[in-house]
Each structure stands twice: as structure tokens, then as C-alpha cells.
């Protein structure tokens, strides 16, 4: 009953949010999309059917607006990257379906992707969502790194909510994540996403700024030129986002739905 009610609310919110976008057009800027899972076979709202994900990525590719997060940050800093409304694709957490189902599509369509990795789940072979889920391995990630389109970022070590930790625990979470990515994948992560997209406290913000060149939160809006790269807004893509709604989110829209 509750699930059905939520679906009904969502189905109403999206059209209302689209009307709000027409009344007040979202500002131009860098749109950063958040994905979590593709084709994992769960009932989660963030687990997309592979066909829908492919259709969305084909739409993005045909727009000519797909950029790497690094190029998107250059855009925010005022560089002319030749695209007025760039869109960057990001994934959170790190589950095997991202490598198995999402990355091949992105490779085929030449769309860059940033994966914000919670390293403990890979390092200790812990399922991220359900107890019986398969786990992503370092060897699979290492193979995936053969794609020049894949960038690995940090999502802490244990997906900890940094605003609730003592300062030394914050340092441990960030440093463990960085060290494991360097040791197993041979790259140093320069981008960070806060777990649950929750804003940091002062200690966490200082620790993140000392280690990374960007940090992502929530927001469901585009990031205008001049945006602080450590408060990047991102737009979550859901199972219920049909192509019409996906286009709105590409343009930094449907913020009203997110706020509600």
C-alpha cells in the first residue's frame, strides 16, 4: 500500500515539476547525473533496466553534451570547452552491474563516467545492497580501468556519513579509500562524493578539500559557471524517469520533485 502510494506521488510530482521548469527555466550550467545500478534485477528505484539506461545514454550521446567530470569542472572554472550545457555521468557505491552492464554501453557511445567507490565493500567482499548480492572485485575494476573513459573517485571507505564522525575517523575514512584505490588500481582519486549526499560539517569539509579537487552533494539542478567545485549539485536518475523526464534532468530540471 505504501509503495503504491509512493508511486502515485512520484507520478504526480514529475509532471508538476516539469510545469515548474517551464514557469521558471532552470539555469544553464554543468548537469551531473547520479546513477547507482543498472540491470541488477532488484526492485530498487535506483536500479535501471539496461534497455532504459541504453536509451538514455543514446539520447545523451546524440546531444553532443557528454563530458568527463574533469572537463565539466574546467567549464565551471570558466574554460571554453566548446559545450554550453555539458552533462557528466557519475555512479555511486560500486557494484558489479556497473562494470558489467553500464560501462560497456558508455564505452560503445564514448561517454565518460566517474565511479565514486566505497572501497570497503570491494576490499572485504561485502555486498553493498542485499546480503545475497554479488560483489565487485578489484580484479574486475582493474580490467575496467582499461577504458580511458572511466575515472575512479572516492565515496569514503565504508560509506560512512562524515558529518557524524570524530575528526580522526573522517581522516581514516578518506585516507583508507585513497590508499586502497592507489594500491589496487594505480590511480589517485581526485573527486569525492558524500555518502547519502549529506552536507558535511566543518571538519569533514576541511578534510575533503585538503585531499580532493571536487566534492558532490545532492541538488537536482545544473551547476552554473563559477560554482564551488566542492558543492556540486547532482541529479539522481530513477527507474521512473522515462525519456521525457530524463531530458528534463539533463537540462538541470525537475528540482521541484527533489525538493518535495
C-alpha atoms as a PDB file:
ATOM      1  CA  UNK A   1       0.000   0.000   0.000  1.00  0.00           C
ATOM      2  CA  UNK A   2       2.745   2.443   0.988  1.00  0.00           C
ATOM      3  CA  UNK A   3       4.793   1.530  -2.082  1.00  0.00           C
ATOM      4  CA  UNK A   4       1.771   2.098  -4.324  1.00  0.00           C
ATOM      5  CA  UNK A   5       1.155   5.484  -2.692  1.00  0.00           C
ATOM      6  CA  UNK A   6       4.769   6.478  -3.263  1.00  0.00           C
ATOM      7  CA  UNK A   7       4.473   5.537  -6.942  1.00  0.00           C
ATOM      8  CA  UNK A   8       1.336   7.633  -7.268  1.00  0.00           C
ATOM      9  CA  UNK A   9       3.022  10.618  -5.628  1.00  0.00           C
ATOM     10  CA  UNK A  10       6.038  10.260  -7.914  1.00  0.00           C
ATOM     11  CA  UNK A  11       3.834  10.049 -10.995  1.00  0.00           C
ATOM     12  CA  UNK A  12       2.194  13.336  -9.983  1.00  0.00           C
ATOM     13  CA  UNK A  13       5.365  15.124  -8.937  1.00  0.00           C
ATOM     14  CA  UNK A  14       7.176  14.728 -12.229  1.00  0.00           C
ATOM     15  CA  UNK A  15       4.521  16.457 -14.377  1.00  0.00           C
ATOM     16  CA  UNK A  16       4.158  19.206 -11.773  1.00  0.00           C
ATOM     17  CA  UNK A  17       7.944  19.647 -11.686  1.00  0.00           C
ATOM     18  CA  UNK A  18       8.023  19.847 -15.484  1.00  0.00           C
ATOM     19  CA  UNK A  19       5.439  22.635 -15.363  1.00  0.00           C
ATOM     20  CA  UNK A  20       7.578  24.416 -12.770  1.00  0.00           C
ATOM     21  CA  UNK A  21      10.541  24.158 -15.166  1.00  0.00           C
ATOM     22  CA  UNK A  22       8.502  25.928 -17.849  1.00  0.00           C
ATOM     23  CA  UNK A  23       7.413  28.653 -15.447  1.00  0.00           C
ATOM     24  CA  UNK A  24      10.939  29.185 -14.197  1.00  0.00           C
ATOM     25  CA  UNK A  25      13.531  27.784 -16.582  1.00  0.00           C
ATOM     26  CA  UNK A  26      16.441  26.075 -14.804  1.00  0.00           C
ATOM     27  CA  UNK A  27      19.736  27.964 -15.202  1.00  0.00           C
ATOM     28  CA  UNK A  28      22.274  26.728 -17.718  1.00  0.00           C
ATOM     29  CA  UNK A  29      25.377  25.009 -16.436  1.00  0.00           C
ATOM     30  CA  UNK A  30      27.000  21.639 -15.823  1.00  0.00           C
ATOM     31  CA  UNK A  31      24.484  18.889 -15.075  1.00  0.00           C
ATOM     32  CA  UNK A  32      25.917  15.956 -13.121  1.00  0.00           C
ATOM     33  CA  UNK A  33      23.759  12.822 -13.275  1.00  0.00           C
ATOM     34  CA  UNK A  34      23.796  10.234 -10.464  1.00  0.00           C
ATOM     35  CA  UNK A  35      23.283   6.567 -11.239  1.00  0.00           C
ATOM     36  CA  UNK A  36      23.605   3.657  -8.827  1.00  0.00           C
ATOM     37  CA  UNK A  37      22.723   0.361 -10.512  1.00  0.00           C
ATOM     38  CA  UNK A  38      21.903  -0.980 -13.980  1.00  0.00           C
ATOM     39  CA  UNK A  39      20.389  -4.412 -14.577  1.00  0.00           C
ATOM     40  CA  UNK A  40      20.954  -5.774 -11.074  1.00  0.00           C
ATOM     41  CA  UNK A  41      17.493  -7.326 -11.003  1.00  0.00           C
ATOM     42  CA  UNK A  42      16.368  -5.641  -7.797  1.00  0.00           C
ATOM     43  CA  UNK A  43      13.157  -3.706  -7.144  1.00  0.00           C
ATOM     44  CA  UNK A  44      15.037  -0.577  -6.130  1.00  0.00           C
ATOM     45  CA  UNK A  45      14.016   2.719  -7.691  1.00  0.00           C
ATOM     46  CA  UNK A  46      17.709   3.336  -8.475  1.00  0.00           C
ATOM     47  CA  UNK A  47      18.168   0.017 -10.326  1.00  0.00           C
ATOM     48  CA  UNK A  48      17.550   0.804 -14.004  1.00  0.00           C
ATOM     49  CA  UNK A  49      16.579  -1.625 -16.710  1.00  0.00           C
ATOM     50  CA  UNK A  50      19.545  -1.960 -19.126  1.00  0.00           C
ATOM     51  CA  UNK A  51      17.388  -1.044 -22.133  1.00  0.00           C
ATOM     52  CA  UNK A  52      16.273   2.180 -20.472  1.00  0.00           C
ATOM     53  CA  UNK A  53      19.829   3.043 -19.485  1.00  0.00           C
ATOM     54  CA  UNK A  54      21.000   2.462 -23.055  1.00  0.00           C
ATOM     55  CA  UNK A  55      18.209   4.659 -24.418  1.00  0.00           C
ATOM     56  CA  UNK A  56      19.156   7.431 -22.012  1.00  0.00           C
ATOM     57  CA  UNK A  57      22.814   7.227 -22.932  1.00  0.00           C
ATOM     58  CA  UNK A  58      21.954   7.234 -26.642  1.00  0.00           C
ATOM     59  CA  UNK A  59      19.942  10.412 -26.027  1.00  0.00           C
ATOM     60  CA  UNK A  60      22.892  11.973 -24.214  1.00  0.00           C
ATOM     61  CA  UNK A  61      25.360  10.895 -26.897  1.00  0.00           C
ATOM     62  CA  UNK A  62      23.191  12.324 -29.670  1.00  0.00           C
ATOM     63  CA  UNK A  63      23.013  15.653 -27.834  1.00  0.00           C
ATOM     64  CA  UNK A  64      26.778  16.069 -28.056  1.00  0.00           C
ATOM     65  CA  UNK A  65      26.805  17.304 -24.463  1.00  0.00           C
ATOM     66  CA  UNK A  66      28.514  14.404 -22.634  1.00  0.00           C
ATOM     67  CA  UNK A  67      31.770  15.388 -20.900  1.00  0.00           C
ATOM     68  CA  UNK A  68      34.130  13.962 -18.333  1.00  0.00           C
ATOM     69  CA  UNK A  69      33.845  15.344 -14.824  1.00  0.00           C
ATOM     70  CA  UNK A  70      37.266  16.959 -15.262  1.00  0.00           C
ATOM     71  CA  UNK A  71      36.074  18.815 -18.358  1.00  0.00           C
ATOM     72  CA  UNK A  72      32.895  19.755 -16.534  1.00  0.00           C
ATOM     73  CA  UNK A  73      34.943  21.271 -13.717  1.00  0.00           C
ATOM     74  CA  UNK A  74      37.026  23.184 -16.244  1.00  0.00           C
ATOM     75  CA  UNK A  75      33.752  24.563 -17.602  1.00  0.00           C
ATOM     76  CA  UNK A  76      32.741  25.692 -14.110  1.00  0.00           C
ATOM     77  CA  UNK A  77      36.099  27.422 -13.750  1.00  0.00           C
ATOM     78  CA  UNK A  78      35.373  29.450 -16.889  1.00  0.00           C
ATOM     79  CA  UNK A  79      37.204  27.476 -19.569  1.00  0.00           C
ATOM     80  CA  UNK A  80      35.683  27.247 -23.039  1.00  0.00           C
ATOM     81  CA  UNK A  81      35.184  23.514 -23.605  1.00  0.00           C
ATOM     82  CA  UNK A  82      33.011  24.049 -26.678  1.00  0.00           C
ATOM     83  CA  UNK A  83      29.785  22.921 -24.973  1.00  0.00           C
ATOM     84  CA  UNK A  84      27.305  25.327 -23.400  1.00  0.00           C
ATOM     85  CA  UNK A  85      25.328  22.866 -21.253  1.00  0.00           C
ATOM     86  CA  UNK A  86      27.637  19.933 -20.528  1.00  0.00           C
ATOM     87  CA  UNK A  87      26.436  16.757 -18.824  1.00  0.00           C
ATOM     88  CA  UNK A  88      28.631  14.424 -16.752  1.00  0.00           C
ATOM     89  CA  UNK A  89      27.670  10.849 -15.835  1.00  0.00           C
ATOM     90  CA  UNK A  90      28.538   9.540 -12.369  1.00  0.00           C
ATOM     91  CA  UNK A  91      27.844   6.315 -10.476  1.00  0.00           C
ATOM     92  CA  UNK A  92      27.873   5.829  -6.709  1.00  0.00           C
ATOM     93  CA  UNK A  93      28.913   2.942  -4.460  1.00  0.00           C
ATOM     94  CA  UNK A  94      30.485   0.308  -6.731  1.00  0.00           C
ATOM     95  CA  UNK A  95      28.503  -2.813  -7.607  1.00  0.00           C
ATOM     96  CA  UNK A  96      29.390  -5.375 -10.287  1.00  0.00           C
ATOM     97  CA  UNK A  97      26.461  -4.474 -12.541  1.00  0.00           C
ATOM     98  CA  UNK A  98      28.040  -1.058 -13.128  1.00  0.00           C
ATOM     99  CA  UNK A  99      31.072  -2.705 -14.721  1.00  0.00           C
ATOM    100  CA  UNK A 100      29.091  -5.490 -16.403  1.00  0.00           C
ATOM    101  CA  UNK A 101      26.116  -3.550 -17.795  1.00  0.00           C
ATOM    102  CA  UNK A 102      26.744   0.202 -17.674  1.00  0.00           C
ATOM    103  CA  UNK A 103      30.376   0.563 -18.691  1.00  0.00           C
ATOM    104  CA  UNK A 104      30.087  -1.383 -21.992  1.00  0.00           C
ATOM    105  CA  UNK A 105      27.278   0.945 -23.098  1.00  0.00           C
ATOM    106  CA  UNK A 106      29.274   4.013 -22.154  1.00  0.00           C
ATOM    107  CA  UNK A 107      32.328   2.669 -23.965  1.00  0.00           C
ATOM    108  CA  UNK A 108      30.279   1.984 -27.080  1.00  0.00           C
ATOM    109  CA  UNK A 109      28.855   5.515 -27.082  1.00  0.00           C
ATOM    110  CA  UNK A 110      32.106   7.210 -25.991  1.00  0.00           C
ATOM    111  CA  UNK A 111      30.570   8.715 -22.849  1.00  0.00           C
ATOM    112  CA  UNK A 112      32.933   9.345 -19.914  1.00  0.00           C
ATOM    113  CA  UNK A 113      31.954   8.112 -16.471  1.00  0.00           C
ATOM    114  CA  UNK A 114      33.090   8.736 -12.892  1.00  0.00           C
ATOM    115  CA  UNK A 115      32.564   5.934 -10.373  1.00  0.00           C
ATOM    116  CA  UNK A 116      32.585   7.075  -6.749  1.00  0.00           C
ATOM    117  CA  UNK A 117      33.793   3.939  -4.991  1.00  0.00           C
ATOM    118  CA  UNK A 118      33.134   2.878  -1.383  1.00  0.00           C
ATOM    119  CA  UNK A 119      36.293   0.796  -1.046  1.00  0.00           C
ATOM    120  CA  UNK A 120      35.471  -1.371   1.971  1.00  0.00           C
ATOM    121  CA  UNK A 121      32.780  -3.285   0.080  1.00  0.00           C
ATOM    122  CA  UNK A 122      35.264  -4.249  -2.631  1.00  0.00           C
ATOM    123  CA  UNK A 123      38.204  -4.850  -0.326  1.00  0.00           C
ATOM    124  CA  UNK A 124      36.283  -7.070   2.105  1.00  0.00           C
ATOM    125  CA  UNK A 125      33.897  -8.602  -0.468  1.00  0.00           C
ATOM    126  CA  UNK A 126      30.811  -7.215   1.273  1.00  0.00           C
ATOM    127  CA  UNK A 127      27.547  -6.918  -0.724  1.00  0.00           C
ATOM    128  CA  UNK A 128      26.540  -3.271  -0.882  1.00  0.00           C
ATOM    129  CA  UNK A 129      22.751  -3.562  -1.012  1.00  0.00           C
ATOM    130  CA  UNK A 130      21.405  -7.013  -0.144  1.00  0.00           C
ATOM    131  CA  UNK A 131      23.166  -9.845   1.697  1.00  0.00           C
ATOM    132  CA  UNK A 132      22.976 -12.179  -1.303  1.00  0.00           C
ATOM    133  CA  UNK A 133      24.113  -9.626  -3.896  1.00  0.00           C
ATOM    134  CA  UNK A 134      27.293 -10.311  -5.888  1.00  0.00           C
ATOM    135  CA  UNK A 135      30.263  -8.099  -5.066  1.00  0.00           C
ATOM    136  CA  UNK A 136      32.591  -6.060  -7.227  1.00  0.00           C
ATOM    137  CA  UNK A 137      36.216  -7.232  -7.161  1.00  0.00           C
ATOM    138  CA  UNK A 138      39.464  -5.347  -7.504  1.00  0.00           C
ATOM    139  CA  UNK A 139      40.393  -7.522 -10.480  1.00  0.00           C
ATOM    140  CA  UNK A 140      37.170  -6.610 -12.280  1.00  0.00           C
ATOM    141  CA  UNK A 141      37.786  -2.947 -11.562  1.00  0.00           C
ATOM    142  CA  UNK A 142      41.372  -3.262 -12.736  1.00  0.00           C
ATOM    143  CA  UNK A 143      40.161  -4.748 -16.023  1.00  0.00           C
ATOM    144  CA  UNK A 144      37.579  -1.963 -16.317  1.00  0.00           C
ATOM    145  CA  UNK A 145      40.341   0.616 -15.962  1.00  0.00           C
ATOM    146  CA  UNK A 146      41.431  -0.354 -19.471  1.00  0.00           C
ATOM    147  CA  UNK A 147      38.666   2.011 -20.555  1.00  0.00           C
ATOM    148  CA  UNK A 148      40.064   5.523 -20.858  1.00  0.00           C
ATOM    149  CA  UNK A 149      36.532   6.771 -20.202  1.00  0.00           C
ATOM    150  CA  UNK A 150      36.408   5.504 -16.599  1.00  0.00           C
ATOM    151  CA  UNK A 151      37.507   7.726 -13.713  1.00  0.00           C
ATOM    152  CA  UNK A 152      37.566   6.404 -10.149  1.00  0.00           C
ATOM    153  CA  UNK A 153      36.576   8.741  -7.355  1.00  0.00           C
ATOM    154  CA  UNK A 154      36.157   8.247  -3.611  1.00  0.00           C
ATOM    155  CA  UNK A 155      32.887   7.616  -1.765  1.00  0.00           C
ATOM    156  CA  UNK A 156      34.689   7.075   1.577  1.00  0.00           C
ATOM    157  CA  UNK A 157      35.887   3.660   2.712  1.00  0.00           C
ATOM    158  CA  UNK A 158      32.792   2.307   4.467  1.00  0.00           C
ATOM    159  CA  UNK A 159      30.120   4.676   3.090  1.00  0.00           C
ATOM    160  CA  UNK A 160      30.229   6.489   6.422  1.00  0.00           C
ATOM    161  CA  UNK A 161      28.269   9.700   6.995  1.00  0.00           C
ATOM    162  CA  UNK A 162      31.177  12.022   7.636  1.00  0.00           C
ATOM    163  CA  UNK A 163      29.195  14.684   9.486  1.00  0.00           C
ATOM    164  CA  UNK A 164      28.607  12.148  12.281  1.00  0.00           C
ATOM    165  CA  UNK A 165      32.236  11.122  12.820  1.00  0.00           C
ATOM    166  CA  UNK A 166      35.024  12.453  15.008  1.00  0.00           C
ATOM    167  CA  UNK A 167      37.737  14.298  13.000  1.00  0.00           C
ATOM    168  CA  UNK A 168      40.245  11.439  13.243  1.00  0.00           C
ATOM    169  CA  UNK A 169      37.618   8.997  11.942  1.00  0.00           C
ATOM    170  CA  UNK A 170      36.942  11.291   8.994  1.00  0.00           C
ATOM    171  CA  UNK A 171      40.637  11.236   8.126  1.00  0.00           C
ATOM    172  CA  UNK A 172      40.709   7.445   8.420  1.00  0.00           C
ATOM    173  CA  UNK A 173      37.707   7.043   6.094  1.00  0.00           C
ATOM    174  CA  UNK A 174      39.182   9.263   3.399  1.00  0.00           C
ATOM    175  CA  UNK A 175      42.760   8.049   3.659  1.00  0.00           C
ATOM    176  CA  UNK A 176      41.808   4.360   3.587  1.00  0.00           C
ATOM    177  CA  UNK A 177      39.767   4.933   0.442  1.00  0.00           C
ATOM    178  CA  UNK A 178      42.568   6.801  -1.291  1.00  0.00           C
ATOM    179  CA  UNK A 179      45.200   4.240  -0.296  1.00  0.00           C
ATOM    180  CA  UNK A 180      43.204   1.232  -1.490  1.00  0.00           C
ATOM    181  CA  UNK A 181      42.381   2.820  -4.849  1.00  0.00           C
ATOM    182  CA  UNK A 182      46.037   3.702  -5.344  1.00  0.00           C
ATOM    183  CA  UNK A 183      47.261   0.252  -4.288  1.00  0.00           C
ATOM    184  CA  UNK A 184      44.809  -1.783  -6.385  1.00  0.00           C
ATOM    185  CA  UNK A 185      44.106   0.436  -9.385  1.00  0.00           C
ATOM    186  CA  UNK A 186      47.237   2.555  -9.665  1.00  0.00           C
ATOM    187  CA  UNK A 187      45.404   5.893  -9.717  1.00  0.00           C
ATOM    188  CA  UNK A 188      44.880   8.608  -7.126  1.00  0.00           C
ATOM    189  CA  UNK A 189      41.233   9.643  -6.787  1.00  0.00           C
ATOM    190  CA  UNK A 190      40.758  13.389  -7.151  1.00  0.00           C
ATOM    191  CA  UNK A 191      36.948  13.543  -6.951  1.00  0.00           C
ATOM    192  CA  UNK A 192      34.722  12.778  -3.964  1.00  0.00           C
ATOM    193  CA  UNK A 193      31.010  12.230  -3.336  1.00  0.00           C
ATOM    194  CA  UNK A 194      29.487  12.485   0.133  1.00  0.00           C
ATOM    195  CA  UNK A 195      27.547   9.321   1.114  1.00  0.00           C
ATOM    196  CA  UNK A 196      23.774   9.858   1.033  1.00  0.00           C
ATOM    197  CA  UNK A 197      24.648  13.268  -0.487  1.00  0.00           C
ATOM    198  CA  UNK A 198      24.512  14.741   3.031  1.00  0.00           C
ATOM    199  CA  UNK A 199      26.229  18.109   3.548  1.00  0.00           C
ATOM    200  CA  UNK A 200      29.436  17.936   5.611  1.00  0.00           C
ATOM    201  CA  UNK A 201      30.214  19.533   8.925  1.00  0.00           C
ATOM    202  CA  UNK A 202      33.205  21.869   9.102  1.00  0.00           C
ATOM    203  CA  UNK A 203      35.728  19.144   9.924  1.00  0.00           C
ATOM    204  CA  UNK A 204      34.596  16.943   7.032  1.00  0.00           C
ATOM    205  CA  UNK A 205      34.585  19.847   4.570  1.00  0.00           C
ATOM    206  CA  UNK A 206      38.137  20.788   5.528  1.00  0.00           C
ATOM    207  CA  UNK A 207      39.349  17.181   5.265  1.00  0.00           C
ATOM    208  CA  UNK A 208      37.730  16.693   1.841  1.00  0.00           C
ATOM    209  CA  UNK A 209      39.072  19.975   0.446  1.00  0.00           C
ATOM    210  CA  UNK A 210      42.572  19.001   1.575  1.00  0.00           C
ATOM    211  CA  UNK A 211      42.512  15.740  -0.391  1.00  0.00           C
ATOM    212  CA  UNK A 212      40.336  16.200  -3.491  1.00  0.00           C
ATOM    213  CA  UNK A 213      39.607  18.688  -6.260  1.00  0.00           C
ATOM    214  CA  UNK A 214      35.807  18.349  -6.133  1.00  0.00           C
ATOM    215  CA  UNK A 215      33.013  17.047  -3.930  1.00  0.00           C
ATOM    216  CA  UNK A 216      29.455  16.165  -4.903  1.00  0.00           C
ATOM    217  CA  UNK A 217      26.210  16.501  -2.980  1.00  0.00           C
ATOM    218  CA  UNK A 218      22.533  16.435  -3.989  1.00  0.00           C
ATOM    219  CA  UNK A 219      20.535  19.199  -5.642  1.00  0.00           C
ATOM    220  CA  UNK A 220      18.806  18.133  -8.896  1.00  0.00           C
ATOM    221  CA  UNK A 221      19.902  21.243 -10.735  1.00  0.00           C
ATOM    222  CA  UNK A 222      22.625  22.384 -13.102  1.00  0.00           C
ATOM    223  CA  UNK A 223      25.789  23.968 -11.728  1.00  0.00           C
ATOM    224  CA  UNK A 224      26.320  27.449 -13.252  1.00  0.00           C
ATOM    225  CA  UNK A 225      29.764  28.715 -14.202  1.00  0.00           C
ATOM    226  CA  UNK A 226      31.528  29.816 -11.026  1.00  0.00           C
ATOM    227  CA  UNK A 227      30.008  27.098  -8.817  1.00  0.00           C
ATOM    228  CA  UNK A 228      32.289  25.982  -5.985  1.00  0.00           C
ATOM    229  CA  UNK A 229      33.521  22.532  -7.154  1.00  0.00           C
ATOM    230  CA  UNK A 230      33.191  21.237  -3.601  1.00  0.00           C
ATOM    231  CA  UNK A 231      29.416  21.691  -3.552  1.00  0.00           C
ATOM    232  CA  UNK A 232      28.482  20.089  -6.865  1.00  0.00           C
ATOM    233  CA  UNK A 233      24.764  19.510  -7.280  1.00  0.00           C
ATOM    234  CA  UNK A 234      23.799  16.192  -8.864  1.00  0.00           C
ATOM    235  CA  UNK A 235      20.555  14.931 -10.374  1.00  0.00           C
ATOM    236  CA  UNK A 236      19.558  11.343  -9.452  1.00  0.00           C
ATOM    237  CA  UNK A 237      18.198   9.177 -12.259  1.00  0.00           C
ATOM    238  CA  UNK A 238      15.439   6.815 -11.186  1.00  0.00           C
ATOM    239  CA  UNK A 239      13.664   3.832 -12.627  1.00  0.00           C
ATOM    240  CA  UNK A 240      10.563   6.014 -13.038  1.00  0.00           C
ATOM    241  CA  UNK A 241      12.432   8.552 -15.201  1.00  0.00           C
ATOM    242  CA  UNK A 242      11.080   7.871 -18.658  1.00  0.00           C
ATOM    243  CA  UNK A 243      12.703   9.684 -21.566  1.00  0.00           C
ATOM    244  CA  UNK A 244      10.649  12.843 -21.102  1.00  0.00           C
ATOM    245  CA  UNK A 245      11.790  13.172 -17.507  1.00  0.00           C
ATOM    246  CA  UNK A 246      15.351  12.208 -18.363  1.00  0.00           C
ATOM    247  CA  UNK A 247      15.526  15.096 -20.830  1.00  0.00           C
ATOM    248  CA  UNK A 248      14.342  17.460 -18.126  1.00  0.00           C
ATOM    249  CA  UNK A 249      17.051  16.215 -15.768  1.00  0.00           C
ATOM    250  CA  UNK A 250      19.701  16.530 -18.477  1.00  0.00           C
ATOM    251  CA  UNK A 251      18.759  20.202 -18.574  1.00  0.00           C
ATOM    252  CA  UNK A 252      19.007  20.586 -14.808  1.00  0.00           C
ATOM    253  CA  UNK A 253      15.251  20.338 -14.302  1.00  0.00           C
ATOM    254  CA  UNK A 254      12.767  18.534 -12.030  1.00  0.00           C
ATOM    255  CA  UNK A 255      14.252  20.240  -8.999  1.00  0.00           C
ATOM    256  CA  UNK A 256      10.775  20.704  -7.540  1.00  0.00           C
ATOM    257  CA  UNK A 257      10.347  16.918  -7.367  1.00  0.00           C
ATOM    258  CA  UNK A 258      13.607  16.603  -5.472  1.00  0.00           C
ATOM    259  CA  UNK A 259      12.709  19.353  -3.000  1.00  0.00           C
ATOM    260  CA  UNK A 260       9.327  17.771  -2.271  1.00  0.00           C
END
